[in-house]
Protein backbone atom coordinates (compact mmCIF):
# COMPACT_ATOMS: atom_id res chain seq x y z
CA MET A 1 -8.67 -8.42 -3.63
CA ASP A 2 -11.82 -7.67 -4.30
CA CYS A 3 -12.79 -5.37 -6.75
CA THR A 4 -15.27 -4.54 -9.27
CA CYS A 5 -15.03 -2.51 -12.35
CA ASP A 6 -15.47 0.56 -10.76
CA SER A 7 -14.02 0.28 -6.89
CA CYS A 8 -12.91 -1.84 -4.46
CA CYS A 9 -14.38 -2.72 -1.01
CA SER A 10 -12.05 -3.10 2.41
CA GLY A 11 -10.40 -6.51 1.18
CA TYR A 12 -7.09 -5.15 1.61
CA ALA A 13 -4.22 -4.79 4.02
CA THR A 14 -2.78 -1.02 5.58
CA PRO A 15 0.93 -1.08 6.14
CA THR A 16 1.43 0.44 9.55
CA HIS A 17 5.29 -0.53 10.24
CA PHE A 18 7.80 0.22 7.50
CA PRO A 19 11.10 2.43 7.87
CA ASP A 20 10.73 6.53 8.66
CA ASP A 21 12.56 7.28 5.28
CA CYS A 22 9.48 5.70 3.50
CA MET A 23 5.45 6.50 2.91
CA LYS A 24 2.48 4.47 2.06
CA GLU A 25 0.50 5.48 -1.32
CA TRP A 26 -2.44 4.28 -2.66
CA ASP A 27 -2.48 2.33 -5.94
CA GLN A 28 -6.17 2.95 -7.46
CA LYS A 29 -5.82 0.80 -10.72
CA ALA A 30 -4.02 -2.48 -7.82
CA CYS A 31 -6.72 -1.93 -5.31
CA GLU A 32 -3.49 -2.05 -2.70
CA PHE A 33 -1.31 0.42 -0.68
CA LYS A 34 2.26 0.54 -1.99
CA VAL A 35 5.26 1.17 0.43
CA VAL A 36 8.06 3.37 -1.20
CA LYS A 37 10.67 5.58 -0.93
CA LYS A 38 9.87 9.35 0.15
CA SER A 39 13.31 10.53 -1.88
CA ASP A 40 12.13 8.41 -4.77
CA PRO A 41 8.82 6.49 -5.53
CA SER A 42 10.26 4.16 -7.78
CA ILE A 43 11.63 2.15 -5.41
CA SER A 44 10.14 0.04 -3.23
CA CYS A 45 10.47 -0.51 0.85
CA PRO A 46 9.82 -3.72 3.18
CA ILE A 47 6.47 -4.00 5.51
CA PHE A 48 6.95 -4.94 8.51
CA GLY A 49 3.13 -5.19 9.66
CA ALA A 50 0.12 -4.29 8.10
CA VAL A 51 -3.61 -4.30 9.19
CA GLY A 52 -6.70 -5.71 7.70
CA LYS A 53 -7.45 -8.10 4.95
């Protein structure tokens, strides 16, 4: 992860393949995408593929 105190650079992966009942969300604090259930964002989903660093 390549971050400064106030921003992130493009050193993160973007999820591209995950279950249909899930969605990706940007986590600004962690500077990464999280993949969670659409019906319950507290439940994480598996990521089968991603692009980027």
